[in-house]
């Protein structure tokens, strides 16, 4: 039961990136997002990805995969809207 709850939380937690993406798109600006921070977090997620793929822990694997995908969307959106300002 604990593993099932953790698995659901591992998938749901990265979904909180979606409101951030929506806010950037609605405001048509990512100026309040530090690109250094975004690329730092994204880089760390990317470096953890191979370990998650090799792991037998389904919770860690689900969290890492869903977080990498959704945070990649945050970084892409932030860069896209930052480059539109120029």
N, C-alpha and C. Protein backbone atom coordinates (compact mmCIF):
# COMPACT_ATOMS: atom_id res chain seq x y z
N UNK A 1 0.82 -1.20 0.00
CA UNK A 1 0.00 0.00 0.00
C UNK A 1 0.86 1.27 0.00
N UNK A 2 1.92 1.26 0.81
CA UNK A 2 2.81 2.42 0.89
C UNK A 2 3.48 2.67 -0.46
N UNK A 3 3.90 1.62 -1.12
CA UNK A 3 4.54 1.76 -2.43
C UNK A 3 3.57 2.31 -3.45
N UNK A 4 2.32 1.88 -3.42
CA UNK A 4 1.32 2.39 -4.37
C UNK A 4 1.08 3.89 -4.16
N UNK A 5 0.99 4.30 -2.90
CA UNK A 5 0.79 5.71 -2.60
C UNK A 5 2.01 6.52 -3.06
N UNK A 6 3.19 6.01 -2.79
CA UNK A 6 4.41 6.70 -3.21
C UNK A 6 4.51 6.77 -4.73
N UNK A 7 4.09 5.72 -5.42
CA UNK A 7 4.10 5.71 -6.88
C UNK A 7 3.17 6.79 -7.44
N UNK A 8 1.99 6.90 -6.88
CA UNK A 8 1.04 7.94 -7.31
C UNK A 8 1.63 9.32 -7.04
N UNK A 9 2.21 9.51 -5.87
CA UNK A 9 2.82 10.80 -5.53
C UNK A 9 3.99 11.12 -6.46
N UNK A 10 4.75 10.10 -6.84
CA UNK A 10 5.89 10.30 -7.74
C UNK A 10 5.45 10.80 -9.11
N UNK A 11 4.27 10.40 -9.54
CA UNK A 11 3.75 10.86 -10.82
C UNK A 11 3.06 12.21 -10.68
N UNK A 12 2.36 12.42 -9.58
CA UNK A 12 1.60 13.65 -9.37
C UNK A 12 2.51 14.85 -9.07
N UNK A 13 3.55 14.64 -8.28
CA UNK A 13 4.41 15.76 -7.87
C UNK A 13 4.96 16.56 -9.06
N UNK A 14 5.50 15.95 -10.09
CA UNK A 14 6.00 16.73 -11.22
C UNK A 14 4.89 17.47 -11.99
N UNK A 15 3.64 17.08 -11.80
CA UNK A 15 2.55 17.78 -12.49
C UNK A 15 2.44 19.23 -12.03
N UNK A 16 3.06 19.56 -10.89
CA UNK A 16 3.05 20.95 -10.42
C UNK A 16 3.90 21.85 -11.32
N UNK A 17 4.63 21.27 -12.25
CA UNK A 17 5.35 22.07 -13.25
C UNK A 17 4.39 22.68 -14.27
N UNK A 18 3.24 22.06 -14.47
CA UNK A 18 2.28 22.53 -15.47
C UNK A 18 1.78 23.94 -15.17
N UNK A 19 1.39 24.27 -13.93
CA UNK A 19 0.97 25.66 -13.68
C UNK A 19 2.08 26.68 -13.97
N UNK A 20 3.33 26.29 -13.75
CA UNK A 20 4.44 27.19 -14.06
C UNK A 20 4.52 27.44 -15.57
N UNK A 21 4.37 26.40 -16.35
CA UNK A 21 4.36 26.54 -17.81
C UNK A 21 3.19 27.41 -18.25
N UNK A 22 2.02 27.16 -17.70
CA UNK A 22 0.82 27.93 -18.06
C UNK A 22 1.02 29.40 -17.71
N UNK A 23 1.61 29.69 -16.55
CA UNK A 23 1.84 31.07 -16.14
C UNK A 23 2.79 31.78 -17.11
N UNK A 24 3.83 31.11 -17.54
CA UNK A 24 4.77 31.70 -18.49
C UNK A 24 4.05 32.00 -19.81
N UNK A 25 3.26 31.06 -20.27
CA UNK A 25 2.55 31.25 -21.55
C UNK A 25 1.53 32.37 -21.44
N UNK A 26 0.76 32.41 -20.37
CA UNK A 26 -0.26 33.46 -20.21
C UNK A 26 0.36 34.85 -20.14
N UNK A 27 1.46 34.96 -19.40
CA UNK A 27 2.11 36.27 -19.25
C UNK A 27 3.00 36.60 -20.43
N UNK A 28 3.26 35.59 -21.25
CA UNK A 28 4.16 35.73 -22.39
C UNK A 28 5.54 36.23 -21.95
N UNK A 29 5.97 35.78 -20.78
CA UNK A 29 7.25 36.19 -20.24
C UNK A 29 7.77 35.13 -19.28
N UNK A 30 9.09 34.97 -19.30
CA UNK A 30 9.74 34.08 -18.34
C UNK A 30 10.82 34.85 -17.58
N UNK A 31 10.67 36.15 -17.52
CA UNK A 31 11.68 36.99 -16.88
C UNK A 31 11.85 36.69 -15.39
N UNK A 32 10.82 36.20 -14.73
CA UNK A 32 10.93 35.90 -13.30
C UNK A 32 11.54 34.51 -13.04
N UNK A 33 11.88 33.80 -14.10
CA UNK A 33 12.52 32.49 -13.97
C UNK A 33 14.00 32.65 -14.29
N UNK A 34 14.85 32.26 -13.36
CA UNK A 34 16.28 32.31 -13.61
C UNK A 34 16.66 31.14 -14.53
N UNK A 35 17.24 31.48 -15.68
CA UNK A 35 17.65 30.41 -16.59
C UNK A 35 18.81 29.61 -16.01
N UNK A 36 19.65 30.24 -15.20
CA UNK A 36 20.73 29.52 -14.54
C UNK A 36 20.15 28.46 -13.60
N UNK A 37 19.13 28.85 -12.83
CA UNK A 37 18.45 27.90 -11.94
C UNK A 37 17.80 26.79 -12.75
N UNK A 38 17.07 27.16 -13.81
CA UNK A 38 16.34 26.17 -14.61
C UNK A 38 17.30 25.16 -15.24
N UNK A 39 18.39 25.64 -15.82
CA UNK A 39 19.35 24.72 -16.42
C UNK A 39 20.10 23.92 -15.37
N UNK A 40 20.31 24.50 -14.19
CA UNK A 40 20.95 23.76 -13.10
C UNK A 40 20.10 22.59 -12.64
N UNK A 41 18.82 22.85 -12.42
CA UNK A 41 17.90 21.78 -12.00
C UNK A 41 17.78 20.74 -13.11
N UNK A 42 17.62 21.20 -14.34
CA UNK A 42 17.46 20.29 -15.47
C UNK A 42 18.70 19.41 -15.65
N UNK A 43 19.88 20.02 -15.49
CA UNK A 43 21.13 19.27 -15.60
C UNK A 43 21.23 18.18 -14.54
N UNK A 44 20.84 18.51 -13.32
CA UNK A 44 20.86 17.51 -12.24
C UNK A 44 19.88 16.37 -12.54
N UNK A 45 18.70 16.73 -13.02
CA UNK A 45 17.72 15.69 -13.38
C UNK A 45 18.26 14.79 -14.48
N UNK A 46 18.92 15.40 -15.44
CA UNK A 46 19.50 14.64 -16.55
C UNK A 46 20.61 13.70 -16.06
N UNK A 47 21.42 14.18 -15.13
CA UNK A 47 22.50 13.34 -14.60
C UNK A 47 21.96 12.18 -13.75
N UNK A 48 20.80 12.36 -13.12
CA UNK A 48 20.20 11.29 -12.31
C UNK A 48 19.44 10.28 -13.17
N UNK A 49 19.10 10.66 -14.38
CA UNK A 49 18.25 9.83 -15.25
C UNK A 49 18.80 8.42 -15.49
N UNK A 50 20.09 8.25 -15.83
CA UNK A 50 20.58 6.88 -16.05
C UNK A 50 20.43 5.98 -14.82
N UNK A 51 20.67 6.55 -13.64
CA UNK A 51 20.52 5.75 -12.41
C UNK A 51 19.07 5.33 -12.21
N UNK A 52 18.15 6.23 -12.55
CA UNK A 52 16.74 5.89 -12.41
C UNK A 52 16.35 4.78 -13.38
N UNK A 53 16.86 4.84 -14.59
CA UNK A 53 16.54 3.79 -15.56
C UNK A 53 17.06 2.43 -15.13
N UNK A 54 18.21 2.39 -14.48
CA UNK A 54 18.79 1.12 -14.03
C UNK A 54 18.18 0.61 -12.74
N UNK A 55 17.52 1.48 -11.99
CA UNK A 55 16.97 1.12 -10.69
C UNK A 55 15.78 0.16 -10.82
N UNK A 56 15.65 -0.68 -9.82
CA UNK A 56 14.48 -1.56 -9.76
C UNK A 56 13.34 -0.91 -8.97
N UNK A 57 13.62 0.24 -8.35
CA UNK A 57 12.61 0.95 -7.56
C UNK A 57 11.66 1.70 -8.50
N UNK A 58 10.45 1.24 -8.61
CA UNK A 58 9.47 1.80 -9.54
C UNK A 58 9.08 3.23 -9.17
N UNK A 59 9.09 3.55 -7.89
CA UNK A 59 8.74 4.90 -7.46
C UNK A 59 9.80 5.89 -7.94
N UNK A 60 11.06 5.57 -7.71
CA UNK A 60 12.17 6.43 -8.14
C UNK A 60 12.16 6.57 -9.67
N UNK A 61 11.94 5.47 -10.36
CA UNK A 61 11.94 5.49 -11.82
C UNK A 61 10.79 6.35 -12.34
N UNK A 62 9.59 6.19 -11.81
CA UNK A 62 8.43 6.96 -12.25
C UNK A 62 8.63 8.44 -11.97
N UNK A 63 9.13 8.77 -10.78
CA UNK A 63 9.35 10.17 -10.43
C UNK A 63 10.38 10.80 -11.35
N UNK A 64 11.48 10.12 -11.56
CA UNK A 64 12.55 10.69 -12.37
C UNK A 64 12.12 10.90 -13.82
N UNK A 65 11.45 9.93 -14.39
CA UNK A 65 11.03 10.04 -15.79
C UNK A 65 9.99 11.16 -15.95
N UNK A 66 8.97 11.17 -15.09
CA UNK A 66 7.93 12.20 -15.23
C UNK A 66 8.49 13.58 -14.91
N UNK A 67 9.37 13.68 -13.94
CA UNK A 67 9.95 14.98 -13.59
C UNK A 67 10.87 15.48 -14.70
N UNK A 68 11.66 14.61 -15.29
CA UNK A 68 12.54 15.02 -16.38
C UNK A 68 11.73 15.53 -17.57
N UNK A 69 10.67 14.83 -17.92
CA UNK A 69 9.84 15.24 -19.05
C UNK A 69 9.18 16.59 -18.79
N UNK A 70 8.54 16.72 -17.64
CA UNK A 70 7.82 17.96 -17.36
C UNK A 70 8.75 19.13 -17.08
N UNK A 71 9.88 18.90 -16.42
CA UNK A 71 10.79 20.02 -16.19
C UNK A 71 11.50 20.41 -17.48
N UNK A 72 11.69 19.47 -18.39
CA UNK A 72 12.22 19.81 -19.71
C UNK A 72 11.27 20.76 -20.42
N UNK A 73 9.98 20.55 -20.24
CA UNK A 73 8.98 21.45 -20.83
C UNK A 73 9.06 22.84 -20.19
N UNK A 74 9.33 22.89 -18.89
CA UNK A 74 9.50 24.19 -18.22
C UNK A 74 10.70 24.92 -18.81
N UNK A 75 11.82 24.24 -18.92
CA UNK A 75 13.03 24.86 -19.45
C UNK A 75 12.81 25.31 -20.90
N UNK A 76 12.22 24.47 -21.71
CA UNK A 76 11.94 24.82 -23.11
C UNK A 76 11.06 26.07 -23.19
N UNK A 77 10.00 26.10 -22.39
CA UNK A 77 9.09 27.24 -22.39
C UNK A 77 9.78 28.51 -21.91
N UNK A 78 10.57 28.40 -20.86
CA UNK A 78 11.29 29.57 -20.34
C UNK A 78 12.26 30.12 -21.37
N UNK A 79 13.00 29.24 -22.03
CA UNK A 79 13.95 29.69 -23.05
C UNK A 79 13.21 30.28 -24.24
N UNK A 80 12.14 29.65 -24.65
CA UNK A 80 11.35 30.14 -25.78
C UNK A 80 10.84 31.56 -25.53
N UNK A 81 10.26 31.78 -24.37
CA UNK A 81 9.71 33.09 -24.07
C UNK A 81 10.79 34.11 -23.73
N UNK A 82 11.94 33.68 -23.26
CA UNK A 82 13.04 34.60 -23.01
C UNK A 82 13.61 35.08 -24.34
N UNK A 83 13.70 34.18 -25.32
CA UNK A 83 14.27 34.55 -26.62
C UNK A 83 13.29 35.42 -27.43
N UNK A 84 12.00 35.35 -27.14
CA UNK A 84 11.03 36.20 -27.84
C UNK A 84 11.13 37.65 -27.42
N UNK A 85 11.61 37.90 -26.21
CA UNK A 85 11.71 39.26 -25.69
C UNK A 85 12.75 40.07 -26.45
N UNK A 86 13.76 39.42 -26.97
CA UNK A 86 14.87 40.13 -27.62
C UNK A 86 14.54 40.55 -29.02
